[in-house]
C-alpha atoms as a PDB file:
ATOM      1  CA  MET A   1      42.737-154.415 114.796  1.00  0.00           C
ATOM      2  CA  ILE A   2      44.524-151.073 114.437  1.00  0.00           C
ATOM      3  CA  ALA A   3      41.211-149.205 114.637  1.00  0.00           C
ATOM      4  CA  GLY A   4      40.246-151.176 117.737  1.00  0.00           C
ATOM      5  CA  SER A   5      37.259-152.941 116.193  1.00  0.00           C
ATOM      6  CA  ALA A   6      38.928-156.369 116.400  1.00  0.00           C
ATOM      7  CA  SER A   7      41.180-157.890 119.036  1.00  0.00           C
ATOM      8  CA  GLY A   8      44.766-158.831 118.339  1.00  0.00           C
ATOM      9  CA  ARG A   9      46.637-161.731 119.859  1.00  0.00           C
ATOM     10  CA  THR A  10      45.157-162.950 123.115  1.00  0.00           C
ATOM     11  CA  GLY A  11      47.823-165.506 123.964  1.00  0.00           C
ATOM     12  CA  PRO A  12      51.435-166.460 123.211  1.00  0.00           C
ATOM     13  CA  SER A  13      50.410-169.469 121.079  1.00  0.00           C
ATOM     14  CA  GLN A  14      48.815-167.231 118.433  1.00  0.00           C
ATOM     15  CA  THR A  15      50.978-166.062 115.528  1.00  0.00           C
ATOM     16  CA  THR A  16      50.735-162.734 113.734  1.00  0.00           C
ATOM     17  CA  LEU A  17      52.824-162.432 110.587  1.00  0.00           C
ATOM     18  CA  PHE A  18      53.137-159.286 108.500  1.00  0.00           C
ATOM     19  CA  ASP A  19      54.104-160.172 104.935  1.00  0.00           C
ATOM     20  CA  SER A  20      53.646-157.145 102.701  1.00  0.00           C
ATOM     21  CA  VAL A  21      54.347-156.968  99.009  1.00  0.00           C
ATOM     22  CA  GLY A  22      54.337-153.311  98.059  1.00  0.00           C
ATOM     23  CA  PHE A  23      56.465-150.229  97.717  1.00  0.00           C
ATOM     24  CA  ALA A  24      59.461-150.145 100.039  1.00  0.00           C
ATOM     25  CA  ILE A  25      58.446-146.866 101.693  1.00  0.00           C
ATOM     26  CA  GLU A  26      54.976-148.276 102.466  1.00  0.00           C
ATOM     27  CA  ASP A  27      56.484-151.456 103.888  1.00  0.00           C
ATOM     28  CA  PHE A  28      58.974-149.482 105.966  1.00  0.00           C
ATOM     29  CA  SER A  29      56.279-147.125 107.272  1.00  0.00           C
ATOM     30  CA  ALA A  30      53.984-150.006 108.226  1.00  0.00           C
ATOM     31  CA  LEU A  31      56.804-151.867 109.963  1.00  0.00           C
ATOM     32  CA  ARG A  32      57.860-148.733 111.877  1.00  0.00           C
ATOM     33  CA  TYR A  33      54.267-148.248 113.055  1.00  0.00           C
ATOM     34  CA  VAL A  34      53.978-151.872 114.194  1.00  0.00           C
ATOM     35  CA  ALA A  35      57.401-151.789 115.887  1.00  0.00           C
ATOM     36  CA  ASP A  36      56.427-148.637 117.795  1.00  0.00           C
ATOM     37  CA  LYS A  37      53.183-150.286 118.986  1.00  0.00           C
ATOM     38  CA  LEU A  38      54.883-153.512 120.136  1.00  0.00           C
ATOM     39  CA  SER A  39      56.152-151.917 123.320  1.00  0.00           C
ATOM     40  CA  ALA A  40      52.543-151.728 124.573  1.00  0.00           C
ATOM     41  CA  ALA A  41      51.563-155.232 123.387  1.00  0.00           C
ATOM     42  CA  PRO A  42      51.392-158.017 125.987  1.00  0.00           C
ATOM     43  CA  TYR A  43      52.478-160.800 123.590  1.00  0.00           C
ATOM     44  CA  PHE A  44      55.111-160.713 120.884  1.00  0.00           C
ATOM     45  CA  ASP A  45      58.225-162.582 119.805  1.00  0.00           C
ATOM     46  CA  GLU A  46      61.104-160.907 118.039  1.00  0.00           C
ATOM     47  CA  LEU A  47      62.035-162.993 114.986  1.00  0.00           C
ATOM     48  CA  ASP A  48      64.896-162.932 112.526  1.00  0.00           C
ATOM     49  CA  MET A  49      62.941-162.932 109.257  1.00  0.00           C
ATOM     50  CA  LEU A  50      65.592-163.406 106.586  1.00  0.00           C
ATOM     51  CA  ALA A  51      63.927-164.618 103.415  1.00  0.00           C
ATOM     52  CA  ASP A  52      64.377-168.279 102.519  1.00  0.00           C
ATOM     53  CA  PRO A  53      66.390-168.481  99.286  1.00  0.00           C
ATOM     54  CA  ASP A  54      64.128-171.235  97.917  1.00  0.00           C
ATOM     55  CA  ASP A  55      60.994-169.057  98.111  1.00  0.00           C
ATOM     56  CA  PRO A  56      61.393-165.525  99.526  1.00  0.00           C
ATOM     57  CA  ARG A  57      57.603-165.019  99.441  1.00  0.00           C
ATOM     58  CA  ASP A  58      56.944-167.925 101.816  1.00  0.00           C
ATOM     59  CA  LEU A  59      57.691-166.216 105.148  1.00  0.00           C
ATOM     60  CA  PHE A  60      54.893-168.105 106.935  1.00  0.00           C
ATOM     61  CA  GLY A  61      56.319-171.441 105.782  1.00  0.00           C
ATOM     62  CA  MET A  62      59.762-170.349 106.944  1.00  0.00           C
ATOM     63  CA  LEU A  63      58.300-169.450 110.356  1.00  0.00           C
ATOM     64  CA  MET A  64      56.593-172.847 110.637  1.00  0.00           C
ATOM     65  CA  ARG A  65      59.824-174.664 109.682  1.00  0.00           C
ATOM     66  CA  ALA A  66      61.724-172.666 112.329  1.00  0.00           C
ATOM     67  CA  LYS A  67      59.133-173.572 114.992  1.00  0.00           C
ATOM     68  CA  GLY A  68      59.451-177.236 114.045  1.00  0.00           C
ATOM     69  CA  ALA A  69      63.242-177.116 114.460  1.00  0.00           C
ATOM     70  CA  ALA A  70      63.054-175.457 117.896  1.00  0.00           C
END
């Protein structure tokens, strides 16, 4: 997607979730890059992604639970 060989989101009902497990500087650099590119993206939602204390690695599950509560 970043190289342009695949399309990203094409509609607001599609979800893109970045869940990286790596070195903090790599995570920060990747998130800065994505955040800078969001201004040109037609579809995105800003989310508060505080880790769930029961399972901090389950960010997708937390997102799905939040959608169900909305």
